[in-house]
Amino acid sequence: MMLNVDAGGGDRLALAVLAQYRMTTTEQMHLLIAPEVRIEQTRRRLAKLRDEGLIERITLPQAGRTRVWFATQYGVQVASEWPELREVQPPRLIGDRTAARLRVGHALTVTETGLAFLQDARGRGDVCAPLDWIPEVYHPLGSGEAVIPDALLYYRRSKQNGASWSMLRAFVEVDRATMGPERLAAKLTAYARLYEYIPTPAPGTRRAMEQPPEENWRRRYPLFPRLLFVLDGTGPAGINNRIHALQATARKLVPAPFTQQVRILMAPLTDLLRDGPSAPVWHTVHDPDHTISWMD
C-alpha cells in the first residue's frame, strides 16, 4: 500500500512523469512539474518518493554528480493503475543501477527534447502538459513487428487569427548518432509501412464480413502524426549527412503517398534548445535547405 502520496498533487504527477518518461534529472523533473517553486521543494518531493520505495536514483560521476531518477517496479505498478496512465505501455524496467547507467544517455536526451516542447508551449500560451509526451508507444505492423517511436507528442495549439484551437500530433525520433545515417533513414520505411498497414481480420468475424478494411493507425489518430527527427551527438557535418540520408530515402525508397501526406521534418537538438521547437529550425525532407516551424 502506498503511503503519503498526495492524490491529484505533486507527488502523483512526479511519479506519473517518471513512470512515463523513464528517466529525468532533478532539474528536468523540476522544470517539468513545478518550475514556479524553488527547486528545493522538488528535491524534497523526490527524496520522499524514494523513501517510500516508488522511485530510485543513480548518480552520474560526470557533470557535477548529477542525480538521475527512475521509477521502481513498485512505482510503475502503482502509477499504471491511474487513469492518466492507463493507455501507456509500462516501461521496460531498468532492473538495477548498472542497467540504468547504460540507458541514461538516450533516455535523458529524449526527456530533454520533450521538455523543450513543453516549455515552448508554456511560453506561447499553447497546451502541452507533462503527460502529453509519451515515450515508446507500440504500433504493431503484424508478424510480431512494430514501430516504436522514441516519443509520441500531443500538442494543442491556441487560436490563430480568429481560428479555433487545433490539436497537433507527432512521432518523435531522437538520434544521438549512435547508428549510421543509413540505419537512421531506414526508420522512414518503417513509418511508411505503418501508414499503409491494414491488419487482417480473423476469418468469419463481423469486421471481416461487414466493414471495409482500413489502416490500423486510424483507430488511434484522426490524421497520421507528423514525423520529427531530432538530431544530436555529432557536429554540423554529421547532422548534414543524416538530413541528406533521410532525404534520399524519402525520394527513392518511400512511397509517394506517405511523403506527400505526412509532414517529415528534421532539426538539430541544439537549435531546438536555443530557439524553441516552434521556431523555423526544421528542415523539410523534400528540401533540406529550407527550414520551417514544425507547426506549419
C-alpha atoms as a PDB file:
ATOM      1  CA  MET A   1       0.000   0.000   0.000  1.00  0.00           C
ATOM      2  CA  MET A   2       1.343   3.416  -0.970  1.00  0.00           C
ATOM      3  CA  LEU A   3       1.668   5.939   1.846  1.00  0.00           C
ATOM      4  CA  ASN A   4       1.645   9.744   1.893  1.00  0.00           C
ATOM      5  CA  VAL A   5       1.187  10.316  -1.839  1.00  0.00           C
ATOM      6  CA  ASP A   6      -0.965  13.418  -2.217  1.00  0.00           C
ATOM      7  CA  ALA A   7      -3.758  12.295  -4.545  1.00  0.00           C
ATOM      8  CA  GLY A   8      -4.002  14.640  -7.516  1.00  0.00           C
ATOM      9  CA  GLY A   9      -0.992  16.648  -6.342  1.00  0.00           C
ATOM     10  CA  GLY A  10       2.695  16.982  -6.927  1.00  0.00           C
ATOM     11  CA  ASP A  11       3.716  13.533  -5.644  1.00  0.00           C
ATOM     12  CA  ARG A  12       1.307  11.849  -8.022  1.00  0.00           C
ATOM     13  CA  LEU A  13       2.453  13.920 -11.003  1.00  0.00           C
ATOM     14  CA  ALA A  14       6.129  13.312 -10.200  1.00  0.00           C
ATOM     15  CA  LEU A  15       5.642   9.540 -10.063  1.00  0.00           C
ATOM     16  CA  ALA A  16       3.497   9.566 -13.216  1.00  0.00           C
ATOM     17  CA  VAL A  17       6.183  11.501 -15.098  1.00  0.00           C
ATOM     18  CA  LEU A  18       8.935   9.104 -14.042  1.00  0.00           C
ATOM     19  CA  ALA A  19       6.827   6.062 -14.898  1.00  0.00           C
ATOM     20  CA  GLN A  20       6.121   7.527 -18.330  1.00  0.00           C
ATOM     21  CA  TYR A  21       9.392   9.302 -19.204  1.00  0.00           C
ATOM     22  CA  ARG A  22      11.691   6.509 -17.966  1.00  0.00           C
ATOM     23  CA  MET A  23      14.384   8.874 -16.578  1.00  0.00           C
ATOM     24  CA  THR A  24      14.851  12.519 -15.592  1.00  0.00           C
ATOM     25  CA  THR A  25      17.446  14.559 -13.776  1.00  0.00           C
ATOM     26  CA  THR A  26      16.377  16.557 -10.731  1.00  0.00           C
ATOM     27  CA  GLU A  27      16.453  19.764 -12.777  1.00  0.00           C
ATOM     28  CA  GLN A  28      14.435  18.251 -15.618  1.00  0.00           C
ATOM     29  CA  MET A  29      11.815  16.999 -13.172  1.00  0.00           C
ATOM     30  CA  HIS A  30      11.624  20.414 -11.550  1.00  0.00           C
ATOM     31  CA  LEU A  31      11.078  22.169 -14.885  1.00  0.00           C
ATOM     32  CA  LEU A  32       8.515  19.571 -15.935  1.00  0.00           C
ATOM     33  CA  ILE A  33       6.261  19.592 -12.881  1.00  0.00           C
ATOM     34  CA  ALA A  34       6.880  22.697 -10.773  1.00  0.00           C
ATOM     35  CA  PRO A  35       9.001  25.450 -12.370  1.00  0.00           C
ATOM     36  CA  GLU A  36       7.160  28.105 -10.357  1.00  0.00           C
ATOM     37  CA  VAL A  37       8.531  26.938  -6.978  1.00  0.00           C
ATOM     38  CA  ARG A  38      12.029  26.573  -5.575  1.00  0.00           C
ATOM     39  CA  ILE A  39      13.936  23.509  -6.748  1.00  0.00           C
ATOM     40  CA  GLU A  40      14.454  22.501  -3.108  1.00  0.00           C
ATOM     41  CA  GLN A  41      10.760  21.566  -2.978  1.00  0.00           C
ATOM     42  CA  THR A  42      11.228  19.213  -5.925  1.00  0.00           C
ATOM     43  CA  ARG A  43      14.303  17.678  -4.261  1.00  0.00           C
ATOM     44  CA  ARG A  44      12.290  17.027  -1.086  1.00  0.00           C
ATOM     45  CA  ARG A  45       9.454  15.500  -3.096  1.00  0.00           C
ATOM     46  CA  LEU A  46      11.810  13.125  -4.905  1.00  0.00           C
ATOM     47  CA  ALA A  47      13.503  12.129  -1.654  1.00  0.00           C
ATOM     48  CA  LYS A  48      10.090  11.376  -0.136  1.00  0.00           C
ATOM     49  CA  LEU A  49       9.049   9.187  -3.064  1.00  0.00           C
ATOM     50  CA  ARG A  50      12.387   7.364  -2.840  1.00  0.00           C
ATOM     51  CA  ASP A  51      11.876   6.715   0.882  1.00  0.00           C
ATOM     52  CA  GLU A  52       8.506   5.148   0.004  1.00  0.00           C
ATOM     53  CA  GLY A  53      10.148   2.797  -2.494  1.00  0.00           C
ATOM     54  CA  LEU A  54       8.394   4.312  -5.507  1.00  0.00           C
ATOM     55  CA  ILE A  55      11.446   5.733  -7.275  1.00  0.00           C
ATOM     56  CA  GLU A  56      15.214   5.228  -7.251  1.00  0.00           C
ATOM     57  CA  ARG A  57      18.232   7.175  -8.471  1.00  0.00           C
ATOM     58  CA  ILE A  58      21.723   6.866  -9.828  1.00  0.00           C
ATOM     59  CA  THR A  59      24.457   9.463  -9.585  1.00  0.00           C
ATOM     60  CA  LEU A  60      26.489  10.225 -12.687  1.00  0.00           C
ATOM     61  CA  PRO A  61      30.200  10.700 -11.994  1.00  0.00           C
ATOM     62  CA  GLN A  62      30.438  13.432 -14.603  1.00  0.00           C
ATOM     63  CA  ALA A  63      28.509  16.716 -14.837  1.00  0.00           C
ATOM     64  CA  GLY A  64      28.773  17.612 -11.177  1.00  0.00           C
ATOM     65  CA  ARG A  65      27.484  14.236  -9.942  1.00  0.00           C
ATOM     66  CA  THR A  66      24.053  14.728 -11.473  1.00  0.00           C
ATOM     67  CA  ARG A  67      21.269  12.645  -9.948  1.00  0.00           C
ATOM     68  CA  VAL A  68      19.065  10.728 -12.363  1.00  0.00           C
ATOM     69  CA  TRP A  69      15.708   9.373 -11.208  1.00  0.00           C
ATOM     70  CA  PHE A  70      13.582   6.459 -12.415  1.00  0.00           C
ATOM     71  CA  ALA A  71      10.512   4.599 -11.156  1.00  0.00           C
ATOM     72  CA  THR A  72      10.918   1.288  -9.353  1.00  0.00           C
ATOM     73  CA  GLN A  73       8.854  -1.766 -10.242  1.00  0.00           C
ATOM     74  CA  TYR A  74       6.583  -0.887  -7.321  1.00  0.00           C
ATOM     75  CA  GLY A  75       6.281   2.709  -8.536  1.00  0.00           C
ATOM     76  CA  VAL A  76       5.367   1.610 -12.056  1.00  0.00           C
ATOM     77  CA  GLN A  77       2.794  -0.806 -10.646  1.00  0.00           C
ATOM     78  CA  VAL A  78       1.168   1.948  -8.582  1.00  0.00           C
ATOM     79  CA  ALA A  79       1.171   4.544 -11.380  1.00  0.00           C
ATOM     80  CA  SER A  80      -0.091   2.167 -14.062  1.00  0.00           C
ATOM     81  CA  GLU A  81      -3.396   1.894 -12.207  1.00  0.00           C
ATOM     82  CA  TRP A  82      -4.108   5.614 -12.551  1.00  0.00           C
ATOM     83  CA  PRO A  83      -6.500   6.751 -15.323  1.00  0.00           C
ATOM     84  CA  GLU A  84      -3.972   9.179 -16.809  1.00  0.00           C
ATOM     85  CA  LEU A  85      -1.543   6.308 -17.489  1.00  0.00           C
ATOM     86  CA  ARG A  86      -3.982   3.528 -18.296  1.00  0.00           C
ATOM     87  CA  GLU A  87      -3.241   3.577 -22.032  1.00  0.00           C
ATOM     88  CA  VAL A  88       0.519   3.992 -21.635  1.00  0.00           C
ATOM     89  CA  GLN A  89       2.738   0.974 -22.240  1.00  0.00           C
ATOM     90  CA  PRO A  90       4.631   0.253 -18.986  1.00  0.00           C
ATOM     91  CA  PRO A  91       8.364   0.870 -19.399  1.00  0.00           C
ATOM     92  CA  ARG A  92      10.847  -1.927 -19.699  1.00  0.00           C
ATOM     93  CA  LEU A  93      12.027  -1.980 -16.121  1.00  0.00           C
ATOM     94  CA  ILE A  94      15.619  -0.924 -15.646  1.00  0.00           C
ATOM     95  CA  GLY A  95      16.274  -3.570 -13.012  1.00  0.00           C
ATOM     96  CA  ASP A  96      19.443  -2.194 -11.438  1.00  0.00           C
ATOM     97  CA  ARG A  97      21.663   0.843 -11.405  1.00  0.00           C
ATOM     98  CA  THR A  98      24.198  -0.618 -13.820  1.00  0.00           C
ATOM     99  CA  ALA A  99      21.464  -1.131 -16.418  1.00  0.00           C
ATOM    100  CA  ALA A 100      20.244   2.389 -15.729  1.00  0.00           C
ATOM    101  CA  ARG A 101      23.674   3.862 -16.446  1.00  0.00           C
ATOM    102  CA  LEU A 102      23.794   2.066 -19.796  1.00  0.00           C
ATOM    103  CA  ARG A 103      20.481   3.619 -20.859  1.00  0.00           C
ATOM    104  CA  VAL A 104      20.821   7.038 -19.303  1.00  0.00           C
ATOM    105  CA  GLY A 105      22.260   8.976 -22.263  1.00  0.00           C
ATOM    106  CA  HIS A 106      19.446   8.330 -24.717  1.00  0.00           C
ATOM    107  CA  ALA A 107      16.720   8.462 -22.064  1.00  0.00           C
ATOM    108  CA  LEU A 108      17.790  11.884 -20.780  1.00  0.00           C
ATOM    109  CA  THR A 109      18.085  13.256 -24.321  1.00  0.00           C
ATOM    110  CA  VAL A 110      14.519  12.136 -25.040  1.00  0.00           C
ATOM    111  CA  THR A 111      13.386  13.806 -21.807  1.00  0.00           C
ATOM    112  CA  GLU A 112      15.268  17.000 -22.712  1.00  0.00           C
ATOM    113  CA  THR A 113      13.538  17.045 -26.106  1.00  0.00           C
ATOM    114  CA  GLY A 114      10.113  16.644 -24.523  1.00  0.00           C
ATOM    115  CA  LEU A 115      10.901  19.393 -22.037  1.00  0.00           C
ATOM    116  CA  ALA A 116      11.766  21.737 -24.920  1.00  0.00           C
ATOM    117  CA  PHE A 117       8.286  21.270 -26.421  1.00  0.00           C
ATOM    118  CA  LEU A 118       6.644  21.697 -23.024  1.00  0.00           C
ATOM    119  CA  GLN A 119       8.470  24.925 -22.188  1.00  0.00           C
ATOM    120  CA  ASP A 120       7.829  26.286 -25.685  1.00  0.00           C
ATOM    121  CA  ALA A 121       4.101  25.642 -25.269  1.00  0.00           C
ATOM    122  CA  ARG A 122       4.040  27.461 -21.933  1.00  0.00           C
ATOM    123  CA  GLY A 123       5.694  30.494 -23.461  1.00  0.00           C
ATOM    124  CA  ARG A 124       3.289  30.567 -26.407  1.00  0.00           C
ATOM    125  CA  GLY A 125       0.080  30.028 -24.442  1.00  0.00           C
ATOM    126  CA  ASP A 126      -0.409  26.605 -26.063  1.00  0.00           C
ATOM    127  CA  VAL A 127      -1.263  23.419 -24.178  1.00  0.00           C
ATOM    128  CA  CYS A 128       1.306  20.644 -23.794  1.00  0.00           C
ATOM    129  CA  ALA A 129       1.169  19.079 -20.339  1.00  0.00           C
ATOM    130  CA  PRO A 130       3.942  16.872 -18.939  1.00  0.00           C
ATOM    131  CA  LEU A 131       1.994  13.689 -19.708  1.00  0.00           C
ATOM    132  CA  ASP A 132       1.387  14.768 -23.326  1.00  0.00           C
ATOM    133  CA  TRP A 133       4.895  13.474 -24.103  1.00  0.00           C
ATOM    134  CA  ILE A 134       4.650   9.670 -24.223  1.00  0.00           C
ATOM    135  CA  PRO A 135       7.817   7.644 -24.900  1.00  0.00           C
ATOM    136  CA  GLU A 136       7.859   4.269 -26.656  1.00  0.00           C
ATOM    137  CA  VAL A 137       4.261   3.851 -27.824  1.00  0.00           C
ATOM    138  CA  TYR A 138       3.857   0.460 -29.512  1.00  0.00           C
ATOM    139  CA  HIS A 139       2.379   0.437 -33.049  1.00  0.00           C
ATOM    140  CA  PRO A 140       2.081  -3.089 -34.497  1.00  0.00           C
ATOM    141  CA  LEU A 141       2.969  -3.931 -38.084  1.00  0.00           C
ATOM    142  CA  GLY A 142       1.922  -7.584 -37.996  1.00  0.00           C
ATOM    143  CA  SER A 143       4.052 -10.724 -37.769  1.00  0.00           C
ATOM    144  CA  GLY A 144       5.483  -9.546 -34.464  1.00  0.00           C
ATOM    145  CA  GLU A 145       6.982  -6.381 -35.923  1.00  0.00           C
ATOM    146  CA  ALA A 146       6.217  -2.898 -34.673  1.00  0.00           C
ATOM    147  CA  VAL A 147       7.112   0.779 -34.900  1.00  0.00           C
ATOM    148  CA  ILE A 148       8.013   2.238 -31.503  1.00  0.00           C
ATOM    149  CA  PRO A 149       8.835   5.957 -31.735  1.00  0.00           C
ATOM    150  CA  ASP A 150      11.048   7.485 -29.097  1.00  0.00           C
ATOM    151  CA  ALA A 151       8.041   9.599 -28.171  1.00  0.00           C
ATOM    152  CA  LEU A 152       4.510  10.468 -29.211  1.00  0.00           C
ATOM    153  CA  LEU A 153       3.679  14.168 -28.760  1.00  0.00           C
ATOM    154  CA  TYR A 154       0.229  15.666 -28.226  1.00  0.00           C
ATOM    155  CA  TYR A 155       0.183  19.449 -28.610  1.00  0.00           C
ATOM    156  CA  ARG A 156      -2.846  21.745 -28.508  1.00  0.00           C
ATOM    157  CA  ARG A 157      -2.162  24.935 -30.420  1.00  0.00           C
ATOM    158  CA  SER A 158      -4.009  28.050 -29.288  1.00  0.00           C
ATOM    159  CA  LYS A 159      -6.316  30.050 -31.521  1.00  0.00           C
ATOM    160  CA  GLN A 160      -4.588  31.639 -34.503  1.00  0.00           C
ATOM    161  CA  ASN A 161      -6.014  34.687 -36.326  1.00  0.00           C
ATOM    162  CA  GLY A 162      -9.515  34.044 -35.049  1.00  0.00           C
ATOM    163  CA  ALA A 163      -9.478  30.339 -35.937  1.00  0.00           C
ATOM    164  CA  SER A 164     -10.256  27.741 -33.310  1.00  0.00           C
ATOM    165  CA  TRP A 165      -7.549  25.784 -31.484  1.00  0.00           C
ATOM    166  CA  SER A 166      -6.017  22.791 -33.230  1.00  0.00           C
ATOM    167  CA  MET A 167      -4.561  19.517 -31.969  1.00  0.00           C
ATOM    168  CA  LEU A 168      -1.179  18.546 -33.380  1.00  0.00           C
ATOM    169  CA  ARG A 169       0.381  15.120 -33.007  1.00  0.00           C
ATOM    170  CA  ALA A 170       3.883  13.970 -33.834  1.00  0.00           C
ATOM    171  CA  PHE A 171       6.055  10.888 -33.739  1.00  0.00           C
ATOM    172  CA  VAL A 172       9.475  11.986 -32.496  1.00  0.00           C
ATOM    173  CA  GLU A 173      12.707  10.114 -33.177  1.00  0.00           C
ATOM    174  CA  VAL A 174      15.741  11.287 -31.187  1.00  0.00           C
ATOM    175  CA  ASP A 175      19.026  10.304 -32.850  1.00  0.00           C
ATOM    176  CA  ARG A 176      22.270  10.619 -30.872  1.00  0.00           C
ATOM    177  CA  ALA A 177      24.481   9.477 -33.774  1.00  0.00           C
ATOM    178  CA  THR A 178      24.875   6.008 -32.281  1.00  0.00           C
ATOM    179  CA  MET A 179      23.878   4.441 -35.610  1.00  0.00           C
ATOM    180  CA  GLY A 180      24.906   5.256 -39.157  1.00  0.00           C
ATOM    181  CA  PRO A 181      22.859   7.621 -41.341  1.00  0.00           C
ATOM    182  CA  GLU A 182      21.521   4.695 -43.397  1.00  0.00           C
ATOM    183  CA  ARG A 183      20.125   2.902 -40.338  1.00  0.00           C
ATOM    184  CA  LEU A 184      18.501   6.106 -39.168  1.00  0.00           C
ATOM    185  CA  ALA A 185      16.973   6.686 -42.593  1.00  0.00           C
ATOM    186  CA  ALA A 186      15.614   3.124 -42.607  1.00  0.00           C
ATOM    187  CA  LYS A 187      13.190   4.211 -39.904  1.00  0.00           C
ATOM    188  CA  LEU A 188      11.381   6.179 -42.594  1.00  0.00           C
ATOM    189  CA  THR A 189      10.469   2.982 -44.407  1.00  0.00           C
ATOM    190  CA  ALA A 190       9.084   1.528 -41.175  1.00  0.00           C
ATOM    191  CA  TYR A 191       6.795   4.524 -40.723  1.00  0.00           C
ATOM    192  CA  ALA A 192       5.711   4.235 -44.349  1.00  0.00           C
ATOM    193  CA  ARG A 193       4.746   0.619 -43.649  1.00  0.00           C
ATOM    194  CA  LEU A 194       2.789   1.741 -40.592  1.00  0.00           C
ATOM    195  CA  TYR A 195       0.978   4.294 -42.757  1.00  0.00           C
ATOM    196  CA  GLU A 196      -0.218   1.527 -45.081  1.00  0.00           C
ATOM    197  CA  TYR A 197      -0.620  -1.356 -42.622  1.00  0.00           C
ATOM    198  CA  ILE A 198      -4.082  -2.946 -42.559  1.00  0.00           C
ATOM    199  CA  PRO A 199      -4.415  -5.826 -40.088  1.00  0.00           C
ATOM    200  CA  THR A 200      -6.009  -8.979 -41.406  1.00  0.00           C
ATOM    201  CA  PRO A 201      -9.259  -9.709 -39.531  1.00  0.00           C
ATOM    202  CA  ALA A 202      -9.914 -13.203 -38.289  1.00  0.00           C
ATOM    203  CA  PRO A 203     -11.994 -15.235 -40.760  1.00  0.00           C
ATOM    204  CA  GLY A 204     -15.698 -15.152 -40.048  1.00  0.00           C
ATOM    205  CA  THR A 205     -15.609 -12.153 -37.705  1.00  0.00           C
ATOM    206  CA  ARG A 206     -18.152  -9.393 -38.103  1.00  0.00           C
ATOM    207  CA  ARG A 207     -15.427  -6.971 -39.164  1.00  0.00           C
ATOM    208  CA  ALA A 208     -14.239  -9.354 -41.860  1.00  0.00           C
ATOM    209  CA  MET A 209     -17.757  -9.692 -43.220  1.00  0.00           C
ATOM    210  CA  GLU A 210     -19.186  -6.189 -42.831  1.00  0.00           C
ATOM    211  CA  GLN A 211     -16.545  -3.472 -42.567  1.00  0.00           C
ATOM    212  CA  PRO A 212     -14.203  -2.284 -45.319  1.00  0.00           C
ATOM    213  CA  PRO A 213     -10.540  -2.589 -44.323  1.00  0.00           C
ATOM    214  CA  GLU A 214      -8.759   0.477 -43.012  1.00  0.00           C
ATOM    215  CA  GLU A 215      -5.265   1.294 -41.864  1.00  0.00           C
ATOM    216  CA  ASN A 216      -4.593   0.351 -38.257  1.00  0.00           C
ATOM    217  CA  TRP A 217      -3.375   3.813 -37.232  1.00  0.00           C
ATOM    218  CA  ARG A 218      -6.822   5.285 -37.915  1.00  0.00           C
ATOM    219  CA  ARG A 219      -8.131   3.574 -34.795  1.00  0.00           C
ATOM    220  CA  ARG A 220      -5.983   5.904 -32.709  1.00  0.00           C
ATOM    221  CA  TYR A 221      -5.437   9.081 -34.730  1.00  0.00           C
ATOM    222  CA  PRO A 222      -7.762  11.164 -36.950  1.00  0.00           C
ATOM    223  CA  LEU A 223      -4.674  12.103 -39.004  1.00  0.00           C
ATOM    224  CA  PHE A 224      -1.327  10.352 -39.217  1.00  0.00           C
ATOM    225  CA  PRO A 225       1.037  12.202 -36.829  1.00  0.00           C
ATOM    226  CA  ARG A 226       3.851  14.338 -38.167  1.00  0.00           C
ATOM    227  CA  LEU A 227       7.272  12.708 -38.121  1.00  0.00           C
ATOM    228  CA  LEU A 228      10.025  14.693 -36.423  1.00  0.00           C
ATOM    229  CA  PHE A 229      13.683  13.633 -36.364  1.00  0.00           C
ATOM    230  CA  VAL A 230      15.722  15.375 -33.649  1.00  0.00           C
ATOM    231  CA  LEU A 231      19.465  15.064 -34.339  1.00  0.00           C
ATOM    232  CA  ASP A 232      22.180  15.209 -31.684  1.00  0.00           C
ATOM    233  CA  GLY A 233      25.546  13.723 -30.788  1.00  0.00           C
ATOM    234  CA  THR A 234      27.506  14.933 -33.794  1.00  0.00           C
ATOM    235  CA  GLY A 235      28.750  18.133 -35.383  1.00  0.00           C
ATOM    236  CA  PRO A 236      27.232  20.090 -38.277  1.00  0.00           C
ATOM    237  CA  ALA A 237      28.760  17.787 -40.911  1.00  0.00           C
ATOM    238  CA  GLY A 238      27.313  14.676 -39.269  1.00  0.00           C
ATOM    239  CA  ILE A 239      23.893  16.276 -38.938  1.00  0.00           C
ATOM    240  CA  ASN A 240      24.022  17.326 -42.587  1.00  0.00           C
ATOM    241  CA  ASN A 241      24.834  13.723 -43.581  1.00  0.00           C
ATOM    242  CA  ARG A 242      21.839  12.471 -41.639  1.00  0.00           C
ATOM    243  CA  ILE A 243      19.491  15.038 -43.127  1.00  0.00           C
ATOM    244  CA  HIS A 244      20.520  14.126 -46.672  1.00  0.00           C
ATOM    245  CA  ALA A 245      20.302  10.385 -45.930  1.00  0.00           C
ATOM    246  CA  LEU A 246      16.704  10.911 -44.815  1.00  0.00           C
ATOM    247  CA  GLN A 247      16.010  12.957 -47.932  1.00  0.00           C
ATOM    248  CA  ALA A 248      17.459  10.254 -50.213  1.00  0.00           C
ATOM    249  CA  THR A 249      15.409   7.544 -48.509  1.00  0.00           C
ATOM    250  CA  ALA A 250      12.226   9.583 -48.809  1.00  0.00           C
ATOM    251  CA  ARG A 251      12.883  10.159 -52.505  1.00  0.00           C
ATOM    252  CA  LYS A 252      13.963   6.648 -53.523  1.00  0.00           C
ATOM    253  CA  LEU A 253      12.525   4.097 -51.087  1.00  0.00           C
ATOM    254  CA  VAL A 254       9.351   5.529 -49.580  1.00  0.00           C
ATOM    255  CA  PRO A 255       6.001   5.507 -51.446  1.00  0.00           C
ATOM    256  CA  ALA A 256       4.975   8.942 -52.642  1.00  0.00           C
ATOM    257  CA  PRO A 257       1.582   8.974 -50.852  1.00  0.00           C
ATOM    258  CA  PHE A 258       3.369   8.808 -47.498  1.00  0.00           C
ATOM    259  CA  THR A 259       5.787  11.673 -48.143  1.00  0.00           C
ATOM    260  CA  GLN A 260       3.013  13.744 -49.732  1.00  0.00           C
ATOM    261  CA  GLN A 261       0.514  13.281 -46.902  1.00  0.00           C
ATOM    262  CA  VAL A 262       2.787  13.182 -43.844  1.00  0.00           C
ATOM    263  CA  ARG A 263       4.941  16.105 -42.739  1.00  0.00           C
ATOM    264  CA  ILE A 264       8.515  14.815 -42.261  1.00  0.00           C
ATOM    265  CA  LEU A 265      10.945  17.228 -40.619  1.00  0.00           C
ATOM    266  CA  MET A 266      14.476  17.179 -39.172  1.00  0.00           C
ATOM    267  CA  ALA A 267      16.219  19.533 -36.756  1.00  0.00           C
ATOM    268  CA  PRO A 268      19.386  19.631 -34.623  1.00  0.00           C
ATOM    269  CA  LEU A 269      18.631  19.425 -30.915  1.00  0.00           C
ATOM    270  CA  THR A 270      20.937  22.391 -30.310  1.00  0.00           C
ATOM    271  CA  ASP A 271      18.659  24.553 -32.476  1.00  0.00           C
ATOM    272  CA  LEU A 272      15.549  23.371 -30.612  1.00  0.00           C
ATOM    273  CA  LEU A 273      17.091  24.195 -27.258  1.00  0.00           C
ATOM    274  CA  ARG A 274      18.363  27.574 -28.443  1.00  0.00           C
ATOM    275  CA  ASP A 275      15.318  28.859 -30.366  1.00  0.00           C
ATOM    276  CA  GLY A 276      12.463  26.604 -29.256  1.00  0.00           C
ATOM    277  CA  PRO A 277      10.732  23.878 -31.294  1.00  0.00           C
ATOM    278  CA  SER A 278       8.176  26.322 -32.739  1.00  0.00           C
ATOM    279  CA  ALA A 279      10.940  28.358 -34.407  1.00  0.00           C
ATOM    280  CA  PRO A 280      11.737  27.744 -38.106  1.00  0.00           C
ATOM    281  CA  VAL A 281      14.571  25.315 -37.351  1.00  0.00           C
ATOM    282  CA  TRP A 282      13.097  22.220 -39.035  1.00  0.00           C
ATOM    283  CA  HIS A 283      14.486  21.043 -42.380  1.00  0.00           C
ATOM    284  CA  THR A 284      11.884  19.586 -44.732  1.00  0.00           C
ATOM    285  CA  VAL A 285      12.522  16.166 -46.235  1.00  0.00           C
ATOM    286  CA  HIS A 286      11.741  17.475 -49.734  1.00  0.00           C
ATOM    287  CA  ASP A 287      14.096  20.465 -49.496  1.00  0.00           C
ATOM    288  CA  PRO A 288      16.704  20.117 -46.721  1.00  0.00           C
ATOM    289  CA  ASP A 289      17.952  23.652 -47.321  1.00  0.00           C
ATOM    290  CA  HIS A 290      14.501  25.036 -46.458  1.00  0.00           C
ATOM    291  CA  THR A 291      13.521  25.372 -42.787  1.00  0.00           C
ATOM    292  CA  ILE A 292      10.066  25.899 -41.277  1.00  0.00           C
ATOM    293  CA  SER A 293       8.240  25.588 -37.945  1.00  0.00           C
ATOM    294  CA  TRP A 294       7.018  22.084 -37.166  1.00  0.00           C
ATOM    295  CA  MET A 295       3.536  23.591 -36.766  1.00  0.00           C
ATOM    296  CA  ASP A 296       3.343  24.850 -40.377  1.00  0.00           C
END
